[in-house]
Amino acid sequence: MKTIYEDLLHLDRPFYEIHEDSYDPLKCIESFWDNYPLATIREYFYALDLKCQTLRSVAKNKPEPVKQTLSLADILRALMAYFLIHSRQIDTDQIKLSTLEVNMQEIQLTKKIHDFFQSINHTNT
């Protein structure tokens, strides 16, 4: 498999891992914060943003530079907020997600795909 496609699989995998019996979102969160201090996350985002700006000159579907940078900043803000909610033990019951239904549809779709590949894997063993 070409290396570029292997990299893409890393970004798809989290959508399917959530359907595995062994998936534990709490352990996932703990692992993330154990491995990525905020300063490191910021450095990776800077590098990602710079790389995307460099690739943009040769890409056919060029994301707008400002939108890309702002979305990375929003992701960083969300990660920081999740960390602070945990560290300050803030109740999350009041959070209302406007995209809850759309995101649940995406999760249901990935569940169907996951189940399909699991069925193929079990029939081949």
PDB file of N, CA and C in Angstrom:
ATOM      1  N   MET A   1       0.847  -1.181   0.000  1.00  0.00           N
ATOM      2  CA  MET A   1       0.000   0.000   0.000  1.00  0.00           C
ATOM      3  C   MET A   1       0.888   1.238   0.000  1.00  0.00           C
ATOM      4  N   LYS A   2       0.506   2.220  -0.763  1.00  0.00           N
ATOM      5  CA  LYS A   2       1.293   3.432  -0.814  1.00  0.00           C
ATOM      6  C   LYS A   2       1.256   4.139   0.536  1.00  0.00           C
ATOM      7  N   THR A   3       2.364   4.760   0.890  1.00  0.00           N
ATOM      8  CA  THR A   3       2.492   5.411   2.192  1.00  0.00           C
ATOM      9  C   THR A   3       1.417   6.464   2.418  1.00  0.00           C
ATOM     10  N   ILE A   4       1.069   7.218   1.399  1.00  0.00           N
ATOM     11  CA  ILE A   4       0.074   8.277   1.575  1.00  0.00           C
ATOM     12  C   ILE A   4      -1.270   7.694   2.010  1.00  0.00           C
ATOM     13  N   TYR A   5      -1.630   6.509   1.512  1.00  0.00           N
ATOM     14  CA  TYR A   5      -2.883   5.886   1.894  1.00  0.00           C
ATOM     15  C   TYR A   5      -2.821   5.324   3.312  1.00  0.00           C
ATOM     16  N   GLU A   6      -1.652   4.837   3.712  1.00  0.00           N
ATOM     17  CA  GLU A   6      -1.484   4.358   5.082  1.00  0.00           C
ATOM     18  C   GLU A   6      -1.736   5.487   6.069  1.00  0.00           C
ATOM     19  N   ASP A   7      -1.253   6.680   5.748  1.00  0.00           N
ATOM     20  CA  ASP A   7      -1.476   7.832   6.617  1.00  0.00           C
ATOM     21  C   ASP A   7      -2.955   8.155   6.735  1.00  0.00           C
ATOM     22  N   LEU A   8      -3.689   8.017   5.653  1.00  0.00           N
ATOM     23  CA  LEU A   8      -5.120   8.301   5.698  1.00  0.00           C
ATOM     24  C   LEU A   8      -5.854   7.317   6.591  1.00  0.00           C
ATOM     25  N   LEU A   9      -5.407   6.075   6.622  1.00  0.00           N
ATOM     26  CA  LEU A   9      -6.045   5.077   7.467  1.00  0.00           C
ATOM     27  C   LEU A   9      -5.956   5.454   8.942  1.00  0.00           C
ATOM     28  N   HIS A  10      -4.885   6.114   9.342  1.00  0.00           N
ATOM     29  CA  HIS A  10      -4.751   6.557  10.724  1.00  0.00           C
ATOM     30  C   HIS A  10      -5.864   7.529  11.097  1.00  0.00           C
ATOM     31  N   LEU A  11      -6.303   8.313  10.142  1.00  0.00           N
ATOM     32  CA  LEU A  11      -7.358   9.285  10.413  1.00  0.00           C
ATOM     33  C   LEU A  11      -8.747   8.655  10.350  1.00  0.00           C
ATOM     34  N   ASP A  12      -8.900   7.566   9.643  1.00  0.00           N
ATOM     35  CA  ASP A  12     -10.184   6.862   9.589  1.00  0.00           C
ATOM     36  C   ASP A  12     -10.373   5.928  10.785  1.00  0.00           C
ATOM     37  N   ARG A  13      -9.306   5.359  11.265  1.00  0.00           N
ATOM     38  CA  ARG A  13      -9.371   4.335  12.315  1.00  0.00           C
ATOM     39  C   ARG A  13     -10.176   4.767  13.550  1.00  0.00           C
ATOM     40  N   PRO A  14     -10.006   5.979  14.068  1.00  0.00           N
ATOM     41  CA  PRO A  14     -10.777   6.367  15.263  1.00  0.00           C
ATOM     42  C   PRO A  14     -12.290   6.281  15.079  1.00  0.00           C
ATOM     43  N   PHE A  15     -12.776   6.448  13.858  1.00  0.00           N
ATOM     44  CA  PHE A  15     -14.210   6.367  13.602  1.00  0.00           C
ATOM     45  C   PHE A  15     -14.732   4.942  13.753  1.00  0.00           C
ATOM     46  N   TYR A  16     -13.852   3.966  13.589  1.00  0.00           N
ATOM     47  CA  TYR A  16     -14.262   2.570  13.662  1.00  0.00           C
ATOM     48  C   TYR A  16     -13.904   1.922  14.998  1.00  0.00           C
ATOM     49  N   GLU A  17     -12.867   2.419  15.662  1.00  0.00           N
ATOM     50  CA  GLU A  17     -12.471   1.868  16.957  1.00  0.00           C
ATOM     51  C   GLU A  17     -13.584   1.983  17.997  1.00  0.00           C
ATOM     52  N   ILE A  18     -14.400   3.013  17.888  1.00  0.00           N
ATOM     53  CA  ILE A  18     -15.446   3.232  18.892  1.00  0.00           C
ATOM     54  C   ILE A  18     -16.472   2.110  18.919  1.00  0.00           C
ATOM     55  N   HIS A  19     -16.510   1.287  17.899  1.00  0.00           N
ATOM     56  CA  HIS A  19     -17.476   0.196  17.819  1.00  0.00           C
ATOM     57  C   HIS A  19     -16.912  -1.128  18.332  1.00  0.00           C
ATOM     58  N   GLU A  20     -15.642  -1.150  18.673  1.00  0.00           N
ATOM     59  CA  GLU A  20     -15.030  -2.377  19.172  1.00  0.00           C
ATOM     60  C   GLU A  20     -15.420  -2.587  20.633  1.00  0.00           C
ATOM     61  N   ASP A  21     -15.589  -3.833  21.017  1.00  0.00           N
ATOM     62  CA  ASP A  21     -15.988  -4.154  22.390  1.00  0.00           C
ATOM     63  C   ASP A  21     -14.990  -3.621  23.419  1.00  0.00           C
ATOM     64  N   SER A  22     -13.740  -3.576  23.054  1.00  0.00           N
ATOM     65  CA  SER A  22     -12.701  -3.144  24.002  1.00  0.00           C
ATOM     66  C   SER A  22     -12.574  -1.623  24.104  1.00  0.00           C
ATOM     67  N   TYR A  23     -13.314  -0.882  23.280  1.00  0.00           N
ATOM     68  CA  TYR A  23     -13.192   0.581  23.291  1.00  0.00           C
ATOM     69  C   TYR A  23     -13.700   1.151  24.611  1.00  0.00           C
ATOM     70  N   ASP A  24     -12.886   2.007  25.215  1.00  0.00           N
ATOM     71  CA  ASP A  24     -13.244   2.672  26.463  1.00  0.00           C
ATOM     72  C   ASP A  24     -12.928   4.154  26.294  1.00  0.00           C
ATOM     73  N   PRO A  25     -13.938   5.003  26.144  1.00  0.00           N
ATOM     74  CA  PRO A  25     -13.671   6.426  25.916  1.00  0.00           C
ATOM     75  C   PRO A  25     -12.898   7.082  27.057  1.00  0.00           C
ATOM     76  N   LEU A  26     -13.104   6.620  28.281  1.00  0.00           N
ATOM     77  CA  LEU A  26     -12.372   7.204  29.404  1.00  0.00           C
ATOM     78  C   LEU A  26     -10.880   6.896  29.296  1.00  0.00           C
ATOM     79  N   LYS A  27     -10.563   5.657  28.937  1.00  0.00           N
ATOM     80  CA  LYS A  27      -9.149   5.304  28.760  1.00  0.00           C
ATOM     81  C   LYS A  27      -8.546   6.057  27.583  1.00  0.00           C
ATOM     82  N   CYS A  28      -9.348   6.292  26.560  1.00  0.00           N
ATOM     83  CA  CYS A  28      -8.877   7.047  25.399  1.00  0.00           C
ATOM     84  C   CYS A  28      -8.513   8.477  25.808  1.00  0.00           C
ATOM     85  N   ILE A  29      -9.370   9.090  26.598  1.00  0.00           N
ATOM     86  CA  ILE A  29      -9.108  10.455  27.068  1.00  0.00           C
ATOM     87  C   ILE A  29      -7.866  10.479  27.954  1.00  0.00           C
ATOM     88  N   GLU A  30      -7.778   9.527  28.883  1.00  0.00           N
ATOM     89  CA  GLU A  30      -6.605   9.459  29.758  1.00  0.00           C
ATOM     90  C   GLU A  30      -5.331   9.288  28.949  1.00  0.00           C
ATOM     91  N   SER A  31      -5.368   8.392  27.979  1.00  0.00           N
ATOM     92  CA  SER A  31      -4.201   8.146  27.141  1.00  0.00           C
ATOM     93  C   SER A  31      -3.802   9.395  26.366  1.00  0.00           C
ATOM     94  N   PHE A  32      -4.798  10.079  25.822  1.00  0.00           N
ATOM     95  CA  PHE A  32      -4.507  11.300  25.061  1.00  0.00           C
ATOM     96  C   PHE A  32      -3.767  12.313  25.933  1.00  0.00           C
ATOM     97  N   TRP A  33      -4.325  12.601  27.110  1.00  0.00           N
ATOM     98  CA  TRP A  33      -3.710  13.630  27.952  1.00  0.00           C
ATOM     99  C   TRP A  33      -2.402  13.159  28.558  1.00  0.00           C
ATOM    100  N   ASP A  34      -2.212  11.845  28.720  1.00  0.00           N
ATOM    101  CA  ASP A  34      -0.921  11.327  29.190  1.00  0.00           C
ATOM    102  C   ASP A  34       0.172  11.519  28.143  1.00  0.00           C
ATOM    103  N   ASN A  35      -0.222  11.508  26.879  1.00  0.00           N
ATOM    104  CA  ASN A  35       0.762  11.559  25.799  1.00  0.00           C
ATOM    105  C   ASN A  35       0.944  12.929  25.155  1.00  0.00           C
ATOM    106  N   TYR A  36      -0.014  13.829  25.347  1.00  0.00           N
ATOM    107  CA  TYR A  36       0.040  15.097  24.635  1.00  0.00           C
ATOM    108  C   TYR A  36      -0.231  16.294  25.548  1.00  0.00           C
ATOM    109  N   PRO A  37       0.824  16.891  26.117  1.00  0.00           N
ATOM    110  CA  PRO A  37       0.622  18.130  26.852  1.00  0.00           C
ATOM    111  C   PRO A  37       0.183  19.241  25.881  1.00  0.00           C
ATOM    112  N   LEU A  38      -0.479  20.257  26.411  1.00  0.00           N
ATOM    113  CA  LEU A  38      -1.002  21.329  25.553  1.00  0.00           C
ATOM    114  C   LEU A  38       0.086  21.974  24.701  1.00  0.00           C
ATOM    115  N   ALA A  39       1.254  22.150  25.234  1.00  0.00           N
ATOM    116  CA  ALA A  39       2.339  22.777  24.462  1.00  0.00           C
ATOM    117  C   ALA A  39       2.705  21.928  23.248  1.00  0.00           C
ATOM    118  N   THR A  40       2.714  20.610  23.419  1.00  0.00           N
ATOM    119  CA  THR A  40       3.009  19.702  22.304  1.00  0.00           C
ATOM    120  C   THR A  40       1.905  19.757  21.261  1.00  0.00           C
ATOM    121  N   ILE A  41       0.662  19.771  21.729  1.00  0.00           N
ATOM    122  CA  ILE A  41      -0.462  19.857  20.794  1.00  0.00           C
ATOM    123  C   ILE A  41      -0.359  21.132  19.971  1.00  0.00           C
ATOM    124  N   ARG A  42      -0.064  22.234  20.615  1.00  0.00           N
ATOM    125  CA  ARG A  42       0.083  23.505  19.900  1.00  0.00           C
ATOM    126  C   ARG A  42       1.190  23.401  18.848  1.00  0.00           C
ATOM    127  N   GLU A  43       2.317  22.794  19.196  1.00  0.00           N
ATOM    128  CA  GLU A  43       3.427  22.647  18.247  1.00  0.00           C
ATOM    129  C   GLU A  43       3.013  21.798  17.045  1.00  0.00           C
ATOM    130  N   TYR A  44       2.282  20.716  17.287  1.00  0.00           N
ATOM    131  CA  TYR A  44       1.814  19.879  16.186  1.00  0.00           C
ATOM    132  C   TYR A  44       0.833  20.645  15.298  1.00  0.00           C
ATOM    133  N   PHE A  45      -0.009  21.450  15.899  1.00  0.00           N
ATOM    134  CA  PHE A  45      -0.958  22.243  15.118  1.00  0.00           C
ATOM    135  C   PHE A  45      -0.237  23.282  14.267  1.00  0.00           C
ATOM    136  N   TYR A  46       0.786  23.903  14.832  1.00  0.00           N
ATOM    137  CA  TYR A  46       1.584  24.851  14.035  1.00  0.00           C
ATOM    138  C   TYR A  46       2.203  24.141  12.841  1.00  0.00           C
ATOM    139  N   ALA A  47       2.782  22.964  13.098  1.00  0.00           N
ATOM    140  CA  ALA A  47       3.427  22.202  12.023  1.00  0.00           C
ATOM    141  C   ALA A  47       2.396  21.765  10.983  1.00  0.00           C
ATOM    142  N   LEU A  48       1.235  21.319  11.431  1.00  0.00           N
ATOM    143  CA  LEU A  48       0.176  20.895  10.511  1.00  0.00           C
ATOM    144  C   LEU A  48      -0.298  22.067   9.663  1.00  0.00           C
ATOM    145  N   ASP A  49      -0.502  23.186  10.289  1.00  0.00           N
ATOM    146  CA  ASP A  49      -0.957  24.376   9.571  1.00  0.00           C
ATOM    147  C   ASP A  49       0.078  24.795   8.528  1.00  0.00           C
ATOM    148  N   LEU A  50       1.339  24.799   8.898  1.00  0.00           N
ATOM    149  CA  LEU A  50       2.398  25.174   7.957  1.00  0.00           C
ATOM    150  C   LEU A  50       2.477  24.183   6.801  1.00  0.00           C
ATOM    151  N   LYS A  51       2.374  22.895   7.124  1.00  0.00           N
ATOM    152  CA  LYS A  51       2.424  21.870   6.077  1.00  0.00           C
ATOM    153  C   LYS A  51       1.248  22.027   5.117  1.00  0.00           C
ATOM    154  N   CYS A  52       0.066  22.270   5.665  1.00  0.00           N
ATOM    155  CA  CYS A  52      -1.114  22.437   4.816  1.00  0.00           C
ATOM    156  C   CYS A  52      -0.993  23.681   3.943  1.00  0.00           C
ATOM    157  N   GLN A  53      -0.423  24.728   4.482  1.00  0.00           N
ATOM    158  CA  GLN A  53      -0.233  25.934   3.675  1.00  0.00           C
ATOM    159  C   GLN A  53       0.738  25.669   2.538  1.00  0.00           C
ATOM    160  N   THR A  54       1.764  24.855   2.789  1.00  0.00           N
ATOM    161  CA  THR A  54       2.737  24.494   1.758  1.00  0.00           C
ATOM    162  C   THR A  54       2.096  23.610   0.698  1.00  0.00           C
ATOM    163  N   LEU A  55       1.316  22.620   1.128  1.00  0.00           N
ATOM    164  CA  LEU A  55       0.661  21.701   0.199  1.00  0.00           C
ATOM    165  C   LEU A  55      -0.443  22.390  -0.606  1.00  0.00           C
ATOM    166  N   ARG A  56      -0.997  23.428  -0.052  1.00  0.00           N
ATOM    167  CA  ARG A  56      -2.114  24.116  -0.687  1.00  0.00           C
ATOM    168  C   ARG A  56      -1.743  24.623  -2.084  1.00  0.00           C
ATOM    169  N   SER A  57      -0.490  24.957  -2.277  1.00  0.00           N
ATOM    170  CA  SER A  57      -0.082  25.495  -3.570  1.00  0.00           C
ATOM    171  C   SER A  57      -0.158  24.451  -4.675  1.00  0.00           C
ATOM    172  N   VAL A  58      -0.105  23.153  -4.332  1.00  0.00           N
ATOM    173  CA  VAL A  58      -0.171  22.096  -5.340  1.00  0.00           C
ATOM    174  C   VAL A  58      -1.473  21.302  -5.288  1.00  0.00           C
ATOM    175  N   ALA A  59      -2.279  21.543  -4.295  1.00  0.00           N
ATOM    176  CA  ALA A  59      -3.522  20.776  -4.134  1.00  0.00           C
ATOM    177  C   ALA A  59      -4.615  21.306  -5.053  1.00  0.00           C
ATOM    178  N   LYS A  60      -5.465  20.368  -5.527  1.00  0.00           N
ATOM    179  CA  LYS A  60      -6.596  20.764  -6.366  1.00  0.00           C
ATOM    180  C   LYS A  60      -7.695  21.388  -5.524  1.00  0.00           C
ATOM    181  N   ASN A  61      -8.040  20.737  -4.428  1.00  0.00           N
ATOM    182  CA  ASN A  61      -9.072  21.245  -3.528  1.00  0.00           C
ATOM    183  C   ASN A  61      -8.391  21.997  -2.395  1.00  0.00           C
ATOM    184  N   LYS A  62      -8.185  23.257  -2.601  1.00  0.00           N
ATOM    185  CA  LYS A  62      -7.435  24.055  -1.649  1.00  0.00           C
ATOM    186  C   LYS A  62      -8.352  24.624  -0.568  1.00  0.00           C
ATOM    187  N   PRO A  63      -8.142  24.201   0.683  1.00  0.00           N
ATOM    188  CA  PRO A  63      -8.912  24.839   1.750  1.00  0.00           C
ATOM    189  C   PRO A  63      -8.446  26.274   1.918  1.00  0.00           C
ATOM    190  N   GLU A  64      -9.364  27.125   2.276  1.00  0.00           N
ATOM    191  CA  GLU A  64      -8.994  28.516   2.489  1.00  0.00           C
ATOM    192  C   GLU A  64      -8.057  28.583   3.688  1.00  0.00           C
ATOM    193  N   PRO A  65      -6.924  29.267   3.551  1.00  0.00           N
ATOM    194  CA  PRO A  65      -5.927  29.292   4.625  1.00  0.00           C
ATOM    195  C   PRO A  65      -6.488  29.789   5.959  1.00  0.00           C
ATOM    196  N   VAL A  66      -7.277  30.839   5.927  1.00  0.00           N
ATOM    197  CA  VAL A  66      -7.804  31.390   7.173  1.00  0.00           C
ATOM    198  C   VAL A  66      -8.765  30.406   7.830  1.00  0.00           C
ATOM    199  N   LYS A  67      -9.628  29.772   7.037  1.00  0.00           N
ATOM    200  CA  LYS A  67     -10.579  28.807   7.592  1.00  0.00           C
ATOM    201  C   LYS A  67      -9.856  27.615   8.211  1.00  0.00           C
ATOM    202  N   GLN A  68      -8.822  27.145   7.544  1.00  0.00           N
ATOM    203  CA  GLN A  68      -8.060  26.012   8.060  1.00  0.00           C
ATOM    204  C   GLN A  68      -7.409  26.377   9.385  1.00  0.00           C
ATOM    205  N   THR A  69      -6.761  27.503   9.446  1.00  0.00           N
ATOM    206  CA  THR A  69      -6.097  27.919  10.671  1.00  0.00           C
ATOM    207  C   THR A  69      -7.110  28.120  11.796  1.00  0.00           C
ATOM    208  N   LEU A  70      -8.247  28.733  11.468  1.00  0.00           N
ATOM    209  CA  LEU A  70      -9.273  28.953  12.482  1.00  0.00           C
ATOM    210  C   LEU A  70      -9.861  27.631  12.981  1.00  0.00           C
ATOM    211  N   SER A  71     -10.015  26.650  12.087  1.00  0.00           N
ATOM    212  CA  SER A  71     -10.554  25.362  12.523  1.00  0.00           C
ATOM    213  C   SER A  71      -9.561  24.638  13.433  1.00  0.00           C
ATOM    214  N   LEU A  72      -8.278  24.718  13.128  1.00  0.00           N
ATOM    215  CA  LEU A  72      -7.271  24.126  14.009  1.00  0.00           C
ATOM    216  C   LEU A  72      -7.289  24.810  15.374  1.00  0.00           C
ATOM    217  N   ALA A  73      -7.457  26.123  15.384  1.00  0.00           N
ATOM    218  CA  ALA A  73      -7.539  26.850  16.650  1.00  0.00           C
ATOM    219  C   ALA A  73      -8.785  26.420  17.428  1.00  0.00           C
ATOM    220  N   ASP A  74      -9.885  26.200  16.726  1.00  0.00           N
ATOM    221  CA  ASP A  74     -11.116  25.745  17.392  1.00  0.00           C
ATOM    222  C   ASP A  74     -10.941  24.358  17.996  1.00  0.00           C
ATOM    223  N   ILE A  75     -10.237  23.474  17.286  1.00  0.00           N
ATOM    224  CA  ILE A  75      -9.972  22.129  17.819  1.00  0.00           C
ATOM    225  C   ILE A  75      -9.118  22.243  19.076  1.00  0.00           C
ATOM    226  N   LEU A  76      -8.123  23.084  19.035  1.00  0.00           N
ATOM    227  CA  LEU A  76      -7.273  23.279  20.206  1.00  0.00           C
ATOM    228  C   LEU A  76      -8.084  23.837  21.376  1.00  0.00           C
ATOM    229  N   ARG A  77      -8.960  24.793  21.108  1.00  0.00           N
ATOM    230  CA  ARG A  77      -9.819  25.329  22.171  1.00  0.00           C
ATOM    231  C   ARG A  77     -10.700  24.238  22.777  1.00  0.00           C
ATOM    232  N   ALA A  78     -11.256  23.369  21.916  1.00  0.00           N
ATOM    233  CA  ALA A  78     -12.113  22.283  22.406  1.00  0.00           C
ATOM    234  C   ALA A  78     -11.315  21.315  23.274  1.00  0.00           C
ATOM    235  N   LEU A  79     -10.113  20.967  22.845  1.00  0.00           N
ATOM    236  CA  LEU A  79      -9.283  20.071  23.652  1.00  0.00           C
ATOM    237  C   LEU A  79      -8.959  20.689  25.005  1.00  0.00           C
ATOM    238  N   MET A  80      -8.629  21.969  24.995  1.00  0.00           N
ATOM    239  CA  MET A  80      -8.335  22.657  26.253  1.00  0.00           C
ATOM    240  C   MET A  80      -9.573  22.687  27.151  1.00  0.00           C
ATOM    241  N   ALA A  81     -10.731  22.925  26.552  1.00  0.00           N
ATOM    242  CA  ALA A  81     -11.971  22.959  27.325  1.00  0.00           C
ATOM    243  C   ALA A  81     -12.268  21.593  27.937  1.00  0.00           C
ATOM    244  N   TYR A  82     -12.094  20.525  27.157  1.00  0.00           N
ATOM    245  CA  TYR A  82     -12.307  19.181  27.701  1.00  0.00           C
ATOM    246  C   TYR A  82     -11.363  18.911  28.874  1.00  0.00           C
ATOM    247  N   PHE A  83     -10.120  19.327  28.714  1.00  0.00           N
ATOM    248  CA  PHE A  83      -9.162  19.136  29.792  1.00  0.00           C
ATOM    249  C   PHE A  83      -9.588  19.907  31.041  1.00  0.00           C
ATOM    250  N   LEU A  84      -9.991  21.153  30.870  1.00  0.00           N
ATOM    251  CA  LEU A  84     -10.393  21.973  32.019  1.00  0.00           C
ATOM    252  C   LEU A  84     -11.672  21.455  32.669  1.00  0.00           C
ATOM    253  N   ILE A  85     -12.608  20.976  31.864  1.00  0.00           N
ATOM    254  CA  ILE A  85     -13.829  20.386  32.419  1.00  0.00           C
ATOM    255  C   ILE A  85     -13.467  19.209  33.320  1.00  0.00           C
ATOM    256  N   HIS A  86     -12.540  18.400  32.850  1.00  0.00           N
ATOM    257  CA  HIS A  86     -12.131  17.252  33.657  1.00  0.00           C
ATOM    258  C   HIS A  86     -11.381  17.697  34.910  1.00  0.00           C
ATOM    259  N   SER A  87     -10.403  18.562  34.742  1.00  0.00           N
ATOM    260  CA  SER A  87      -9.562  18.940  35.886  1.00  0.00           C
ATOM    261  C   SER A  87     -10.332  19.744  36.930  1.00  0.00           C
ATOM    262  N   ARG A  88     -11.345  20.492  36.513  1.00  0.00           N
ATOM    263  CA  ARG A  88     -12.146  21.278  37.458  1.00  0.00           C
ATOM    264  C   ARG A  88     -13.439  20.560  37.863  1.00  0.00           C
ATOM    265  N   GLN A  89     -13.623  19.373  37.325  1.00  0.00           N
ATOM    266  CA  GLN A  89     -14.795  18.544  37.612  1.00  0.00           C
ATOM    267  C   GLN A  89     -16.106  19.312  37.372  1.00  0.00           C
ATOM    268  N   ILE A  90     -16.199  19.894  36.204  1.00  0.00           N
ATOM    269  CA  ILE A  90     -17.371  20.675  35.808  1.00  0.00           C
ATOM    270  C   ILE A  90     -18.439  19.735  35.255  1.00  0.00           C
ATOM    271  N   ASP A  91     -19.665  19.946  35.673  1.00  0.00           N
ATOM    272  CA  ASP A  91     -20.795  19.140  35.208  1.00  0.00           C
ATOM    273  C   ASP A  91     -21.067  19.468  33.737  1.00  0.00           C
ATOM    274  N   THR A  92     -21.130  18.447  32.910  1.00  0.00           N
ATOM    275  CA  THR A  92     -21.346  18.651  31.470  1.00  0.00           C
ATOM    276  C   THR A  92     -22.796  18.454  31.040  1.00  0.00           C
ATOM    277  N   ASP A  93     -23.687  18.219  31.984  1.00  0.00           N
ATOM    278  CA  ASP A  93     -25.088  17.979  31.626  1.00  0.00           C
ATOM    279  C   ASP A  93     -25.739  19.158  30.911  1.00  0.00           C
ATOM    280  N   GLN A  94     -25.248  20.359  31.136  1.00  0.00           N
ATOM    281  CA  GLN A  94     -25.867  21.533  30.526  1.00  0.00           C
ATOM    282  C   GLN A  94     -25.435  21.759  29.078  1.00  0.00           C
ATOM    283  N   ILE A  95     -24.463  21.013  28.599  1.00  0.00           N
ATOM    284  CA  ILE A  95     -23.983  21.199  27.233  1.00  0.00           C
ATOM    285  C   ILE A  95     -25.029  20.689  26.244  1.00  0.00           C
ATOM    286  N   LYS A  96     -25.380  21.515  25.295  1.00  0.00           N
ATOM    287  CA  LYS A  96     -26.318  21.153  24.230  1.00  0.00           C
ATOM    288  C   LYS A  96     -25.537  21.174  22.906  1.00  0.00           C
ATOM    289  N   LEU A  97     -25.536  20.052  22.231  1.00  0.00           N
ATOM    290  CA  LEU A  97     -24.806  19.947  20.968  1.00  0.00           C
ATOM    291  C   LEU A  97     -25.780  20.055  19.801  1.00  0.00           C
ATOM    292  N   SER A  98     -25.628  21.106  19.015  1.00  0.00           N
ATOM    293  CA  SER A  98     -26.552  21.316  17.890  1.00  0.00           C
ATOM    294  C   SER A  98     -26.362  20.279  16.792  1.00  0.00           C
ATOM    295  N   THR A  99     -25.201  19.669  16.723  1.00  0.00           N
ATOM    296  CA  THR A  99     -24.920  18.683  15.669  1.00  0.00           C
ATOM    297  C   THR A  99     -25.056  17.250  16.165  1.00  0.00           C
ATOM    298  N   LEU A 100     -25.707  17.078  17.295  1.00  0.00           N
ATOM    299  CA  LEU A 100     -25.811  15.743  17.880  1.00  0.00           C
ATOM    300  C   LEU A 100     -26.427  14.735  16.912  1.00  0.00           C
ATOM    301  N   GLU A 101     -27.519  15.082  16.270  1.00  0.00           N
ATOM    302  CA  GLU A 101     -28.197  14.148  15.370  1.00  0.00           C
ATOM    303  C   GLU A 101     -27.328  13.801  14.162  1.00  0.00           C
ATOM    304  N   VAL A 102     -26.713  14.800  13.561  1.00  0.00           N
ATOM    305  CA  VAL A 102     -25.850  14.560  12.396  1.00  0.00           C
ATOM    306  C   VAL A 102     -24.663  13.689  12.788  1.00  0.00           C
ATOM    307  N   ASN A 103     -24.071  13.969  13.928  1.00  0.00           N
ATOM    308  CA  ASN A 103     -22.928  13.177  14.367  1.00  0.00           C
ATOM    309  C   ASN A 103     -23.331  11.751  14.727  1.00  0.00           C
ATOM    310  N   MET A 104     -24.511  11.577  15.289  1.00  0.00           N
ATOM    311  CA  MET A 104     -24.984  10.230  15.591  1.00  0.00           C
ATOM    312  C   MET A 104     -25.225   9.439  14.309  1.00  0.00           C
ATOM    313  N   GLN A 105     -25.679  10.098  13.265  1.00  0.00           N
ATOM    314  CA  GLN A 105     -25.856   9.422  11.977  1.00  0.00           C
ATOM    315  C   GLN A 105     -24.501   8.961  11.439  1.00  0.00           C
ATOM    316  N   GLU A 106     -23.471   9.774  11.598  1.00  0.00           N
ATOM    317  CA  GLU A 106     -22.118   9.397  11.170  1.00  0.00           C
ATOM    318  C   GLU A 106     -21.628   8.191  11.968  1.00  0.00           C
ATOM    319  N   ILE A 107     -21.881   8.194  13.262  1.00  0.00           N
ATOM    320  CA  ILE A 107     -21.474   7.070  14.103  1.00  0.00           C
ATOM    321  C   ILE A 107     -22.219   5.796  13.702  1.00  0.00           C
ATOM    322  N   GLN A 108     -23.503   5.905  13.396  1.00  0.00           N
ATOM    323  CA  GLN A 108     -24.267   4.740  12.951  1.00  0.00           C
ATOM    324  C   GLN A 108     -23.729   4.205  11.631  1.00  0.00           C
ATOM    325  N   LEU A 109     -23.341   5.092  10.726  1.00  0.00           N
ATOM    326  CA  LEU A 109     -22.762   4.672   9.454  1.00  0.00           C
ATOM    327  C   LEU A 109     -21.444   3.945   9.675  1.00  0.00           C
ATOM    328  N   THR A 110     -20.580   4.490  10.521  1.00  0.00           N
ATOM    329  CA  THR A 110     -19.303   3.818  10.768  1.00  0.00           C
ATOM    330  C   THR A 110     -19.513   2.484  11.471  1.00  0.00           C
ATOM    331  N   LYS A 111     -20.566   2.373  12.268  1.00  0.00           N
ATOM    332  CA  LYS A 111     -20.888   1.094  12.918  1.00  0.00           C
ATOM    333  C   LYS A 111     -21.249   0.045  11.867  1.00  0.00           C
ATOM    334  N   LYS A 112     -22.033   0.424  10.882  1.00  0.00           N
ATOM    335  CA  LYS A 112     -22.399  -0.506   9.810  1.00  0.00           C
ATOM    336  C   LYS A 112     -21.160  -0.961   9.042  1.00  0.00           C
ATOM    337  N   ILE A 113     -20.278  -0.017   8.741  1.00  0.00           N
ATOM    338  CA  ILE A 113     -19.048  -0.354   8.012  1.00  0.00           C
ATOM    339  C   ILE A 113     -18.163  -1.247   8.872  1.00  0.00           C
ATOM    340  N   HIS A 114     -18.023  -0.901  10.130  1.00  0.00           N
ATOM    341  CA  HIS A 114     -17.228  -1.713  11.058  1.00  0.00           C
ATOM    342  C   HIS A 114     -17.765  -3.140  11.132  1.00  0.00           C
ATOM    343  N   ASP A 115     -19.072  -3.262  11.301  1.00  0.00           N
ATOM    344  CA  ASP A 115     -19.691  -4.587  11.395  1.00  0.00           C
ATOM    345  C   ASP A 115     -19.496  -5.398  10.120  1.00  0.00           C
ATOM    346  N   PHE A 116     -19.577  -4.725   8.980  1.00  0.00           N
ATOM    347  CA  PHE A 116     -19.358  -5.405   7.711  1.00  0.00           C
ATOM    348  C   PHE A 116     -17.946  -5.998   7.648  1.00  0.00           C
ATOM    349  N   PHE A 117     -16.934  -5.193   7.976  1.00  0.00           N
ATOM    350  CA  PHE A 117     -15.568  -5.686   7.914  1.00  0.00           C
ATOM    351  C   PHE A 117     -15.293  -6.737   8.990  1.00  0.00           C
ATOM    352  N   GLN A 118     -15.947  -6.624  10.130  1.00  0.00           N
ATOM    353  CA  GLN A 118     -15.807  -7.652  11.152  1.00  0.00           C
ATOM    354  C   GLN A 118     -16.396  -8.975  10.659  1.00  0.00           C
ATOM    355  N   SER A 119     -17.531  -8.917   9.964  1.00  0.00           N
ATOM    356  CA  SER A 119     -18.144 -10.143   9.454  1.00  0.00           C
ATOM    357  C   SER A 119     -17.256 -10.797   8.403  1.00  0.00           C
ATOM    358  N   ILE A 120     -16.623 -10.002   7.569  1.00  0.00           N
ATOM    359  CA  ILE A 120     -15.702 -10.543   6.565  1.00  0.00           C
ATOM    360  C   ILE A 120     -14.506 -11.178   7.264  1.00  0.00           C
ATOM    361  N   ASN A 121     -14.000 -10.511   8.273  1.00  0.00           N
ATOM    362  CA  ASN A 121     -12.836 -11.002   9.000  1.00  0.00           C
ATOM    363  C   ASN A 121     -13.161 -12.324   9.684  1.00  0.00           C
ATOM    364  N   HIS A 122     -14.334 -12.461  10.253  1.00  0.00           N
ATOM    365  CA  HIS A 122     -14.710 -13.704  10.942  1.00  0.00           C
ATOM    366  C   HIS A 122     -14.949 -14.848   9.961  1.00  0.00           C
ATOM    367  N   THR A 123     -15.427 -14.566   8.769  1.00  0.00           N
ATOM    368  CA  THR A 123     -15.671 -15.637   7.792  1.00  0.00           C
ATOM    369  C   THR A 123     -14.363 -16.118   7.157  1.00  0.00           C
ATOM    370  N   ASN A 124     -13.324 -15.266   7.181  1.00  0.00           N
ATOM    371  CA  ASN A 124     -12.041 -15.635   6.597  1.00  0.00           C
ATOM    372  C   ASN A 124     -11.139 -16.363   7.577  1.00  0.00           C
ATOM    373  N   THR A 125     -11.505 -16.435   8.844  1.00  0.00           N
ATOM    374  CA  THR A 125     -10.629 -17.101   9.814  1.00  0.00           C
ATOM    375  C   THR A 125     -11.030 -18.526  10.074  1.00  0.00           C
TER     376      THR A 125
END
